[in-house]
Amino acid sequence: MKYVLFTVFEDSQATQTLLADLFKKGYNGTMMGASSVNHTFSEKKNAPMFSLSNYAEGVKDPNLAVFFIVEEDRLKPLQEAIREQTGSFQKIHGAMMVFPLEQYEGSF
């Protein structure tokens, strides 16, 4: 069975190092810039959920959302690597969640 490990990390050099290390260990995933609802709406009044002007100007989101699709036998080592390098999310702030993948088509 495959699982989705969904993570959110603050975007920092330490996060880039973590993701590079996971890649070297054979893990691949999809990354997206992310911002919390609180951050988005406390910074600006009536802020849009997605701003093309910010995208065009290269404004970085404060977080990265990353998801990995992995076989069950690779899930625990991935979680352990993330816990170790984030200091259980004390050195790199964020979170991770796991969802069983009932259906899957593709080449990941």
PDB file of N, CA and C in Angstrom:
ATOM      1  N   MET A   1       0.839  -1.176   0.000  1.00  0.00           N
ATOM      2  CA  MET A   1       0.000   0.000   0.000  1.00  0.00           C
ATOM      3  C   MET A   1       0.885   1.242   0.000  1.00  0.00           C
ATOM      4  N   LYS A   2       0.441   2.271  -0.706  1.00  0.00           N
ATOM      5  CA  LYS A   2       1.148   3.542  -0.741  1.00  0.00           C
ATOM      6  C   LYS A   2       0.522   4.501   0.268  1.00  0.00           C
ATOM      7  N   TYR A   3       1.365   5.445   0.729  1.00  0.00           N
ATOM      8  CA  TYR A   3       0.933   6.474   1.669  1.00  0.00           C
ATOM      9  C   TYR A   3       1.361   7.836   1.163  1.00  0.00           C
ATOM     10  N   VAL A   4       0.604   8.858   1.550  1.00  0.00           N
ATOM     11  CA  VAL A   4       0.984  10.239   1.303  1.00  0.00           C
ATOM     12  C   VAL A   4       1.483  10.798   2.621  1.00  0.00           C
ATOM     13  N   LEU A   5       2.718  11.246   2.635  1.00  0.00           N
ATOM     14  CA  LEU A   5       3.256  11.963   3.782  1.00  0.00           C
ATOM     15  C   LEU A   5       3.233  13.427   3.391  1.00  0.00           C
ATOM     16  N   PHE A   6       2.386  14.198   4.047  1.00  0.00           N
ATOM     17  CA  PHE A   6       2.231  15.622   3.747  1.00  0.00           C
ATOM     18  C   PHE A   6       2.928  16.414   4.836  1.00  0.00           C
ATOM     19  N   THR A   7       3.805  17.329   4.445  1.00  0.00           N
ATOM     20  CA  THR A   7       4.547  18.125   5.409  1.00  0.00           C
ATOM     21  C   THR A   7       4.417  19.607   5.083  1.00  0.00           C
ATOM     22  N   VAL A   8       4.557  20.407   6.110  1.00  0.00           N
ATOM     23  CA  VAL A   8       4.683  21.851   5.953  1.00  0.00           C
ATOM     24  C   VAL A   8       5.893  22.254   6.772  1.00  0.00           C
ATOM     25  N   PHE A   9       6.830  22.960   6.145  1.00  0.00           N
ATOM     26  CA  PHE A   9       8.041  23.420   6.815  1.00  0.00           C
ATOM     27  C   PHE A   9       8.173  24.923   6.626  1.00  0.00           C
ATOM     28  N   GLU A  10       8.729  25.605   7.642  1.00  0.00           N
ATOM     29  CA  GLU A  10       9.119  26.989   7.403  1.00  0.00           C
ATOM     30  C   GLU A  10      10.223  26.954   6.357  1.00  0.00           C
ATOM     31  N   ASP A  11      10.197  27.902   5.447  1.00  0.00           N
ATOM     32  CA  ASP A  11      11.191  27.915   4.377  1.00  0.00           C
ATOM     33  C   ASP A  11      12.466  28.563   4.905  1.00  0.00           C
ATOM     34  N   SER A  12      13.511  27.775   5.010  1.00  0.00           N
ATOM     35  CA  SER A  12      14.788  28.256   5.528  1.00  0.00           C
ATOM     36  C   SER A  12      15.910  27.450   4.883  1.00  0.00           C
ATOM     37  N   GLN A  13      17.138  27.856   5.139  1.00  0.00           N
ATOM     38  CA  GLN A  13      18.284  27.099   4.627  1.00  0.00           C
ATOM     39  C   GLN A  13      18.286  25.692   5.216  1.00  0.00           C
ATOM     40  N   ALA A  14      17.906  25.567   6.482  1.00  0.00           N
ATOM     41  CA  ALA A  14      17.855  24.244   7.117  1.00  0.00           C
ATOM     42  C   ALA A  14      16.834  23.343   6.425  1.00  0.00           C
ATOM     43  N   THR A  15      15.723  23.919   5.985  1.00  0.00           N
ATOM     44  CA  THR A  15      14.708  23.144   5.258  1.00  0.00           C
ATOM     45  C   THR A  15      15.262  22.698   3.910  1.00  0.00           C
ATOM     46  N   GLN A  16      15.972  23.582   3.226  1.00  0.00           N
ATOM     47  CA  GLN A  16      16.570  23.212   1.949  1.00  0.00           C
ATOM     48  C   GLN A  16      17.574  22.074   2.123  1.00  0.00           C
ATOM     49  N   THR A  17      18.347  22.128   3.210  1.00  0.00           N
ATOM     50  CA  THR A  17      19.306  21.067   3.516  1.00  0.00           C
ATOM     51  C   THR A  17      18.579  19.753   3.782  1.00  0.00           C
ATOM     52  N   LEU A  18      17.505  19.805   4.559  1.00  0.00           N
ATOM     53  CA  LEU A  18      16.694  18.608   4.850  1.00  0.00           C
ATOM     54  C   LEU A  18      16.173  17.987   3.559  1.00  0.00           C
ATOM     55  N   LEU A  19      15.594  18.798   2.684  1.00  0.00           N
ATOM     56  CA  LEU A  19      15.013  18.268   1.449  1.00  0.00           C
ATOM     57  C   LEU A  19      16.092  17.704   0.529  1.00  0.00           C
ATOM     58  N   ALA A  20      17.248  18.355   0.484  1.00  0.00           N
ATOM     59  CA  ALA A  20      18.361  17.838  -0.327  1.00  0.00           C
ATOM     60  C   ALA A  20      18.825  16.487   0.210  1.00  0.00           C
ATOM     61  N   ASP A  21      18.875  16.348   1.534  1.00  0.00           N
ATOM     62  CA  ASP A  21      19.276  15.079   2.150  1.00  0.00           C
ATOM     63  C   ASP A  21      18.259  13.981   1.847  1.00  0.00           C
ATOM     64  N   LEU A  22      16.971  14.307   1.925  1.00  0.00           N
ATOM     65  CA  LEU A  22      15.937  13.310   1.612  1.00  0.00           C
ATOM     66  C   LEU A  22      16.039  12.879   0.152  1.00  0.00           C
ATOM     67  N   PHE A  23      16.326  13.826  -0.731  1.00  0.00           N
ATOM     68  CA  PHE A  23      16.499  13.503  -2.146  1.00  0.00           C
ATOM     69  C   PHE A  23      17.674  12.538  -2.334  1.00  0.00           C
ATOM     70  N   LYS A  24      18.779  12.802  -1.633  1.00  0.00           N
ATOM     71  CA  LYS A  24      19.947  11.919  -1.720  1.00  0.00           C
ATOM     72  C   LYS A  24      19.631  10.510  -1.222  1.00  0.00           C
ATOM     73  N   LYS A  25      18.661  10.402  -0.314  1.00  0.00           N
ATOM     74  CA  LYS A  25      18.256   9.100   0.222  1.00  0.00           C
ATOM     75  C   LYS A  25      17.224   8.423  -0.680  1.00  0.00           C
ATOM     76  N   GLY A  26      16.889   9.062  -1.802  1.00  0.00           N
ATOM     77  CA  GLY A  26      15.991   8.448  -2.767  1.00  0.00           C
ATOM     78  C   GLY A  26      14.538   8.848  -2.649  1.00  0.00           C
ATOM     79  N   TYR A  27      14.243   9.859  -1.842  1.00  0.00           N
ATOM     80  CA  TYR A  27      12.857  10.322  -1.701  1.00  0.00           C
ATOM     81  C   TYR A  27      12.619  11.467  -2.672  1.00  0.00           C
ATOM     82  N   ASN A  28      11.485  11.419  -3.347  1.00  0.00           N
ATOM     83  CA  ASN A  28      11.098  12.484  -4.256  1.00  0.00           C
ATOM     84  C   ASN A  28       9.711  12.942  -3.848  1.00  0.00           C
ATOM     85  N   GLY A  29       9.422  14.183  -4.061  1.00  0.00           N
ATOM     86  CA  GLY A  29       8.117  14.701  -3.684  1.00  0.00           C
ATOM     87  C   GLY A  29       7.789  15.929  -4.494  1.00  0.00           C
ATOM     88  N   THR A  30       6.695  16.564  -4.130  1.00  0.00           N
ATOM     89  CA  THR A  30       6.249  17.786  -4.786  1.00  0.00           C
ATOM     90  C   THR A  30       6.233  18.905  -3.758  1.00  0.00           C
ATOM     91  N   MET A  31       6.838  20.048  -4.118  1.00  0.00           N
ATOM     92  CA  MET A  31       6.913  21.198  -3.220  1.00  0.00           C
ATOM     93  C   MET A  31       6.078  22.342  -3.773  1.00  0.00           C
ATOM     94  N   MET A  32       5.456  23.062  -2.846  1.00  0.00           N
ATOM     95  CA  MET A  32       4.686  24.255  -3.202  1.00  0.00           C
ATOM     96  C   MET A  32       4.913  25.297  -2.125  1.00  0.00           C
ATOM     97  N   GLY A  33       4.983  26.557  -2.521  1.00  0.00           N
ATOM     98  CA  GLY A  33       5.004  27.625  -1.540  1.00  0.00           C
ATOM     99  C   GLY A  33       3.678  27.645  -0.812  1.00  0.00           C
ATOM    100  N   ALA A  34       3.717  27.947   0.473  1.00  0.00           N
ATOM    101  CA  ALA A  34       2.486  27.927   1.262  1.00  0.00           C
ATOM    102  C   ALA A  34       2.510  29.035   2.301  1.00  0.00           C
ATOM    103  N   SER A  35       1.328  29.488   2.631  1.00  0.00           N
ATOM    104  CA  SER A  35       1.158  30.495   3.664  1.00  0.00           C
ATOM    105  C   SER A  35      -0.103  30.152   4.435  1.00  0.00           C
ATOM    106  N   SER A  36      -0.073  30.337   5.745  1.00  0.00           N
ATOM    107  CA  SER A  36      -1.267  30.038   6.540  1.00  0.00           C
ATOM    108  C   SER A  36      -2.341  31.087   6.275  1.00  0.00           C
ATOM    109  N   VAL A  37      -3.576  30.734   6.537  1.00  0.00           N
ATOM    110  CA  VAL A  37      -4.680  31.686   6.404  1.00  0.00           C
ATOM    111  C   VAL A  37      -4.425  32.875   7.327  1.00  0.00           C
ATOM    112  N   ASN A  38      -3.976  32.588   8.557  1.00  0.00           N
ATOM    113  CA  ASN A  38      -3.684  33.648   9.522  1.00  0.00           C
ATOM    114  C   ASN A  38      -2.632  34.611   8.972  1.00  0.00           C
ATOM    115  N   HIS A  39      -1.543  34.067   8.442  1.00  0.00           N
ATOM    116  CA  HIS A  39      -0.472  34.914   7.905  1.00  0.00           C
ATOM    117  C   HIS A  39      -0.982  35.760   6.733  1.00  0.00           C
ATOM    118  N   THR A  40      -1.722  35.141   5.853  1.00  0.00           N
ATOM    119  CA  THR A  40      -2.221  35.839   4.669  1.00  0.00           C
ATOM    120  C   THR A  40      -3.148  36.985   5.045  1.00  0.00           C
ATOM    121  N   PHE A  41      -4.084  36.733   5.950  1.00  0.00           N
ATOM    122  CA  PHE A  41      -5.085  37.753   6.240  1.00  0.00           C
ATOM    123  C   PHE A  41      -4.684  38.706   7.351  1.00  0.00           C
ATOM    124  N   SER A  42      -3.686  38.366   8.148  1.00  0.00           N
ATOM    125  CA  SER A  42      -3.238  39.325   9.156  1.00  0.00           C
ATOM    126  C   SER A  42      -2.250  40.323   8.568  1.00  0.00           C
ATOM    127  N   GLU A  43      -1.620  39.969   7.454  1.00  0.00           N
ATOM    128  CA  GLU A  43      -0.654  40.857   6.800  1.00  0.00           C
ATOM    129  C   GLU A  43      -1.339  41.928   5.954  1.00  0.00           C
ATOM    130  N   LYS A  44      -2.422  41.554   5.290  1.00  0.00           N
ATOM    131  CA  LYS A  44      -3.068  42.474   4.358  1.00  0.00           C
ATOM    132  C   LYS A  44      -4.576  42.385   4.537  1.00  0.00           C
ATOM    133  N   LYS A  45      -5.238  43.502   4.395  1.00  0.00           N
ATOM    134  CA  LYS A  45      -6.701  43.487   4.405  1.00  0.00           C
ATOM    135  C   LYS A  45      -7.197  42.937   3.082  1.00  0.00           C
ATOM    136  N   ASN A  46      -8.172  42.055   3.145  1.00  0.00           N
ATOM    137  CA  ASN A  46      -8.801  41.489   1.953  1.00  0.00           C
ATOM    138  C   ASN A  46      -7.783  40.907   0.972  1.00  0.00           C
ATOM    139  N   ALA A  47      -6.777  40.229   1.500  1.00  0.00           N
ATOM    140  CA  ALA A  47      -5.737  39.645   0.652  1.00  0.00           C
ATOM    141  C   ALA A  47      -6.309  38.516  -0.189  1.00  0.00           C
ATOM    142  N   PRO A  48      -5.887  38.429  -1.450  1.00  0.00           N
ATOM    143  CA  PRO A  48      -6.340  37.311  -2.280  1.00  0.00           C
ATOM    144  C   PRO A  48      -5.648  36.025  -1.833  1.00  0.00           C
ATOM    145  N   MET A  49      -6.282  34.896  -2.100  1.00  0.00           N
ATOM    146  CA  MET A  49      -5.680  33.619  -1.734  1.00  0.00           C
ATOM    147  C   MET A  49      -4.443  33.353  -2.590  1.00  0.00           C
ATOM    148  N   PHE A  50      -4.447  33.805  -3.824  1.00  0.00           N
ATOM    149  CA  PHE A  50      -3.294  33.632  -4.713  1.00  0.00           C
ATOM    150  C   PHE A  50      -3.097  34.944  -5.447  1.00  0.00           C
ATOM    151  N   SER A  51      -1.934  35.505  -5.361  1.00  0.00           N
ATOM    152  CA  SER A  51      -1.671  36.795  -5.964  1.00  0.00           C
ATOM    153  C   SER A  51      -0.710  36.636  -7.135  1.00  0.00           C
ATOM    154  N   LEU A  52      -1.185  36.913  -8.335  1.00  0.00           N
ATOM    155  CA  LEU A  52      -0.318  36.856  -9.512  1.00  0.00           C
ATOM    156  C   LEU A  52       0.769  37.915  -9.441  1.00  0.00           C
ATOM    157  N   SER A  53       0.466  39.062  -8.828  1.00  0.00           N
ATOM    158  CA  SER A  53       1.494  40.107  -8.733  1.00  0.00           C
ATOM    159  C   SER A  53       2.627  39.657  -7.822  1.00  0.00           C
ATOM    160  N   ASN A  54       2.311  38.993  -6.709  1.00  0.00           N
ATOM    161  CA  ASN A  54       3.359  38.459  -5.835  1.00  0.00           C
ATOM    162  C   ASN A  54       4.164  37.396  -6.563  1.00  0.00           C
ATOM    163  N   TYR A  55       3.481  36.548  -7.315  1.00  0.00           N
ATOM    164  CA  TYR A  55       4.160  35.494  -8.061  1.00  0.00           C
ATOM    165  C   TYR A  55       5.111  36.103  -9.086  1.00  0.00           C
ATOM    166  N   ALA A  56       4.628  37.093  -9.826  1.00  0.00           N
ATOM    167  CA  ALA A  56       5.437  37.730 -10.865  1.00  0.00           C
ATOM    168  C   ALA A  56       6.632  38.476 -10.264  1.00  0.00           C
ATOM    169  N   GLU A  57       6.453  39.030  -9.074  1.00  0.00           N
ATOM    170  CA  GLU A  57       7.531  39.781  -8.425  1.00  0.00           C
ATOM    171  C   GLU A  57       8.468  38.875  -7.633  1.00  0.00           C
ATOM    172  N   GLY A  58       8.179  37.596  -7.600  1.00  0.00           N
ATOM    173  CA  GLY A  58       9.053  36.657  -6.895  1.00  0.00           C
ATOM    174  C   GLY A  58       8.924  36.722  -5.379  1.00  0.00           C
ATOM    175  N   VAL A  59       7.775  37.170  -4.869  1.00  0.00           N
ATOM    176  CA  VAL A  59       7.569  37.213  -3.419  1.00  0.00           C
ATOM    177  C   VAL A  59       7.466  35.786  -2.911  1.00  0.00           C
ATOM    178  N   LYS A  60       8.312  35.435  -1.940  1.00  0.00           N
ATOM    179  CA  LYS A  60       8.355  34.070  -1.428  1.00  0.00           C
ATOM    180  C   LYS A  60       7.308  33.847  -0.351  1.00  0.00           C
ATOM    181  N   ASP A  61       6.685  32.700  -0.383  1.00  0.00           N
ATOM    182  CA  ASP A  61       5.809  32.305   0.708  1.00  0.00           C
ATOM    183  C   ASP A  61       6.677  31.912   1.891  1.00  0.00           C
ATOM    184  N   PRO A  62       6.177  32.089   3.117  1.00  0.00           N
ATOM    185  CA  PRO A  62       7.005  31.802   4.289  1.00  0.00           C
ATOM    186  C   PRO A  62       7.202  30.311   4.566  1.00  0.00           C
ATOM    187  N   ASN A  63       6.409  29.463   3.950  1.00  0.00           N
ATOM    188  CA  ASN A  63       6.477  28.029   4.208  1.00  0.00           C
ATOM    189  C   ASN A  63       6.537  27.238   2.913  1.00  0.00           C
ATOM    190  N   LEU A  64       6.936  25.977   3.051  1.00  0.00           N
ATOM    191  CA  LEU A  64       6.896  25.032   1.944  1.00  0.00           C
ATOM    192  C   LEU A  64       5.971  23.886   2.326  1.00  0.00           C
ATOM    193  N   ALA A  65       5.050  23.567   1.453  1.00  0.00           N
ATOM    194  CA  ALA A  65       4.234  22.365   1.601  1.00  0.00           C
ATOM    195  C   ALA A  65       4.862  21.321   0.686  1.00  0.00           C
ATOM    196  N   VAL A  66       5.163  20.160   1.247  1.00  0.00           N
ATOM    197  CA  VAL A  66       5.824  19.106   0.485  1.00  0.00           C
ATOM    198  C   VAL A  66       5.069  17.813   0.720  1.00  0.00           C
ATOM    199  N   PHE A  67       4.744  17.109  -0.368  1.00  0.00           N
ATOM    200  CA  PHE A  67       4.171  15.782  -0.144  1.00  0.00           C
ATOM    201  C   PHE A  67       4.967  14.734  -0.884  1.00  0.00           C
ATOM    202  N   PHE A  68       5.056  13.586  -0.229  1.00  0.00           N
ATOM    203  CA  PHE A  68       5.774  12.426  -0.739  1.00  0.00           C
ATOM    204  C   PHE A  68       4.779  11.285  -0.867  1.00  0.00           C
ATOM    205  N   ILE A  69       4.872  10.507  -1.928  1.00  0.00           N
ATOM    206  CA  ILE A  69       4.099   9.271  -2.062  1.00  0.00           C
ATOM    207  C   ILE A  69       5.093   8.141  -1.909  1.00  0.00           C
ATOM    208  N   VAL A  70       4.885   7.313  -0.874  1.00  0.00           N
ATOM    209  CA  VAL A  70       5.860   6.269  -0.556  1.00  0.00           C
ATOM    210  C   VAL A  70       5.173   4.946  -0.258  1.00  0.00           C
ATOM    211  N   GLU A  71       5.911   3.874  -0.488  1.00  0.00           N
ATOM    212  CA  GLU A  71       5.462   2.546  -0.083  1.00  0.00           C
ATOM    213  C   GLU A  71       5.561   2.455   1.449  1.00  0.00           C
ATOM    214  N   GLU A  72       4.789   1.562   2.031  1.00  0.00           N
ATOM    215  CA  GLU A  72       4.725   1.424   3.487  1.00  0.00           C
ATOM    216  C   GLU A  72       6.099   1.195   4.115  1.00  0.00           C
ATOM    217  N   ASP A  73       6.951   0.399   3.473  1.00  0.00           N
ATOM    218  CA  ASP A  73       8.258   0.093   4.060  1.00  0.00           C
ATOM    219  C   ASP A  73       9.213   1.296   4.054  1.00  0.00           C
ATOM    220  N   ARG A  74       8.904   2.339   3.292  1.00  0.00           N
ATOM    221  CA  ARG A  74       9.752   3.544   3.253  1.00  0.00           C
ATOM    222  C   ARG A  74       9.187   4.675   4.098  1.00  0.00           C
ATOM    223  N   LEU A  75       7.978   4.488   4.634  1.00  0.00           N
ATOM    224  CA  LEU A  75       7.314   5.549   5.390  1.00  0.00           C
ATOM    225  C   LEU A  75       8.019   5.853   6.713  1.00  0.00           C
ATOM    226  N   LYS A  76       8.253   4.852   7.546  1.00  0.00           N
ATOM    227  CA  LYS A  76       8.872   5.067   8.869  1.00  0.00           C
ATOM    228  C   LYS A  76      10.265   5.680   8.758  1.00  0.00           C
ATOM    229  N   PRO A  77      11.143   5.169   7.849  1.00  0.00           N
ATOM    230  CA  PRO A  77      12.455   5.812   7.716  1.00  0.00           C
ATOM    231  C   PRO A  77      12.357   7.287   7.292  1.00  0.00           C
ATOM    232  N   LEU A  78      11.388   7.606   6.442  1.00  0.00           N
ATOM    233  CA  LEU A  78      11.190   8.989   6.023  1.00  0.00           C
ATOM    234  C   LEU A  78      10.758   9.848   7.206  1.00  0.00           C
ATOM    235  N   GLN A  79       9.798   9.351   7.984  1.00  0.00           N
ATOM    236  CA  GLN A  79       9.341  10.089   9.161  1.00  0.00           C
ATOM    237  C   GLN A  79      10.485  10.292  10.158  1.00  0.00           C
ATOM    238  N   GLU A  80      11.279   9.250  10.371  1.00  0.00           N
ATOM    239  CA  GLU A  80      12.398   9.350  11.311  1.00  0.00           C
ATOM    240  C   GLU A  80      13.427  10.374  10.843  1.00  0.00           C
ATOM    241  N   ALA A  81      13.729  10.390   9.548  1.00  0.00           N
ATOM    242  CA  ALA A  81      14.683  11.363   9.009  1.00  0.00           C
ATOM    243  C   ALA A  81      14.176  12.789   9.203  1.00  0.00           C
ATOM    244  N   ILE A  82      12.891  12.987   8.976  1.00  0.00           N
ATOM    245  CA  ILE A  82      12.300  14.319   9.152  1.00  0.00           C
ATOM    246  C   ILE A  82      12.340  14.721  10.625  1.00  0.00           C
ATOM    247  N   ARG A  83      11.942  13.819  11.513  1.00  0.00           N
ATOM    248  CA  ARG A  83      11.978  14.127  12.950  1.00  0.00           C
ATOM    249  C   ARG A  83      13.396  14.468  13.411  1.00  0.00           C
ATOM    250  N   GLU A  84      14.363  13.675  12.942  1.00  0.00           N
ATOM    251  CA  GLU A  84      15.750  13.884  13.348  1.00  0.00           C
ATOM    252  C   GLU A  84      16.258  15.256  12.896  1.00  0.00           C
ATOM    253  N   GLN A  85      16.051  15.578  11.625  1.00  0.00           N
ATOM    254  CA  GLN A  85      16.620  16.825  11.097  1.00  0.00           C
ATOM    255  C   GLN A  85      15.844  18.067  11.521  1.00  0.00           C
ATOM    256  N   THR A  86      14.569  17.905  11.874  1.00  0.00           N
ATOM    257  CA  THR A  86      13.809  19.070  12.347  1.00  0.00           C
ATOM    258  C   THR A  86      13.885  19.201  13.863  1.00  0.00           C
ATOM    259  N   GLY A  87      14.517  18.234  14.537  1.00  0.00           N
ATOM    260  CA  GLY A  87      14.523  18.254  16.004  1.00  0.00           C
ATOM    261  C   GLY A  87      13.104  18.126  16.529  1.00  0.00           C
ATOM    262  N   SER A  88      12.357  17.187  15.942  1.00  0.00           N
ATOM    263  CA  SER A  88      10.923  17.021  16.251  1.00  0.00           C
ATOM    264  C   SER A  88      10.182  18.356  16.112  1.00  0.00           C
ATOM    265  N   PHE A  89      10.518  19.064  15.046  1.00  0.00           N
ATOM    266  CA  PHE A  89       9.904  20.336  14.661  1.00  0.00           C
ATOM    267  C   PHE A  89      10.214  21.480  15.627  1.00  0.00           C
ATOM    268  N   GLN A  90      11.326  21.355  16.357  1.00  0.00           N
ATOM    269  CA  GLN A  90      11.780  22.454  17.205  1.00  0.00           C
ATOM    270  C   GLN A  90      12.839  23.298  16.496  1.00  0.00           C
ATOM    271  N   LYS A  91      13.712  22.658  15.687  1.00  0.00           N
ATOM    272  CA  LYS A  91      14.740  23.397  14.936  1.00  0.00           C
ATOM    273  C   LYS A  91      14.161  23.958  13.640  1.00  0.00           C
ATOM    274  N   ILE A  92      13.377  23.163  12.970  1.00  0.00           N
ATOM    275  CA  ILE A  92      12.644  23.606  11.775  1.00  0.00           C
ATOM    276  C   ILE A  92      11.171  23.456  12.135  1.00  0.00           C
ATOM    277  N   HIS A  93      10.464  24.567  12.161  1.00  0.00           N
ATOM    278  CA  HIS A  93       9.055  24.504  12.540  1.00  0.00           C
ATOM    279  C   HIS A  93       8.237  23.947  11.380  1.00  0.00           C
ATOM    280  N   GLY A  94       7.184  23.215  11.719  1.00  0.00           N
ATOM    281  CA  GLY A  94       6.330  22.633  10.699  1.00  0.00           C
ATOM    282  C   GLY A  94       5.498  21.516  11.268  1.00  0.00           C
ATOM    283  N   ALA A  95       5.063  20.637  10.396  1.00  0.00           N
ATOM    284  CA  ALA A  95       4.212  19.512  10.793  1.00  0.00           C
ATOM    285  C   ALA A  95       4.251  18.456   9.699  1.00  0.00           C
ATOM    286  N   MET A  96       3.847  17.230  10.058  1.00  0.00           N
ATOM    287  CA  MET A  96       3.685  16.186   9.040  1.00  0.00           C
ATOM    288  C   MET A  96       2.451  15.357   9.363  1.00  0.00           C
ATOM    289  N   MET A  97       1.814  14.889   8.312  1.00  0.00           N
ATOM    290  CA  MET A  97       0.611  14.071   8.401  1.00  0.00           C
ATOM    291  C   MET A  97       0.733  12.929   7.411  1.00  0.00           C
ATOM    292  N   VAL A  98       0.103  11.815   7.713  1.00  0.00           N
ATOM    293  CA  VAL A  98       0.151  10.647   6.833  1.00  0.00           C
ATOM    294  C   VAL A  98      -1.276  10.227   6.496  1.00  0.00           C
ATOM    295  N   PHE A  99      -1.486   9.942   5.209  1.00  0.00           N
ATOM    296  CA  PHE A  99      -2.785   9.482   4.731  1.00  0.00           C
ATOM    297  C   PHE A  99      -2.581   8.225   3.897  1.00  0.00           C
ATOM    298  N   PRO A 100      -3.373   7.170   4.148  1.00  0.00           N
ATOM    299  CA  PRO A 100      -3.291   6.016   3.248  1.00  0.00           C
ATOM    300  C   PRO A 100      -3.854   6.409   1.887  1.00  0.00           C
ATOM    301  N   LEU A 101      -3.256   5.892   0.857  1.00  0.00           N
ATOM    302  CA  LEU A 101      -3.661   6.213  -0.503  1.00  0.00           C
ATOM    303  C   LEU A 101      -4.484   5.054  -1.037  1.00  0.00           C
ATOM    304  N   GLU A 102      -5.792   5.250  -1.113  1.00  0.00           N
ATOM    305  CA  GLU A 102      -6.682   4.168  -1.532  1.00  0.00           C
ATOM    306  C   GLU A 102      -6.548   3.853  -3.008  1.00  0.00           C
ATOM    307  N   GLN A 103      -6.416   4.867  -3.826  1.00  0.00           N
ATOM    308  CA  GLN A 103      -6.273   4.671  -5.264  1.00  0.00           C
ATOM    309  C   GLN A 103      -5.092   5.471  -5.734  1.00  0.00           C
ATOM    310  N   TYR A 104      -4.420   4.946  -6.728  1.00  0.00           N
ATOM    311  CA  TYR A 104      -3.237   5.620  -7.235  1.00  0.00           C
ATOM    312  C   TYR A 104      -2.999   5.225  -8.678  1.00  0.00           C
ATOM    313  N   GLU A 105      -2.747   6.220  -9.512  1.00  0.00           N
ATOM    314  CA  GLU A 105      -2.329   5.976 -10.886  1.00  0.00           C
ATOM    315  C   GLU A 105      -1.209   6.941 -11.179  1.00  0.00           C
ATOM    316  N   GLY A 106      -0.185   6.503 -11.821  1.00  0.00           N
ATOM    317  CA  GLY A 106       0.909   7.385 -12.170  1.00  0.00           C
ATOM    318  C   GLY A 106       2.244   6.708 -12.034  1.00  0.00           C
ATOM    319  N   SER A 107       3.288   7.506 -12.103  1.00  0.00           N
ATOM    320  CA  SER A 107       4.632   6.933 -12.147  1.00  0.00           C
ATOM    321  C   SER A 107       5.525   7.416 -11.009  1.00  0.00           C
ATOM    322  N   PHE A 108       4.964   7.915  -9.934  1.00  0.00           N
ATOM    323  CA  PHE A 108       5.793   8.320  -8.773  1.00  0.00           C
ATOM    324  C   PHE A 108       6.365   7.106  -8.123  1.00  0.00           C
TER     325      PHE A 108
END
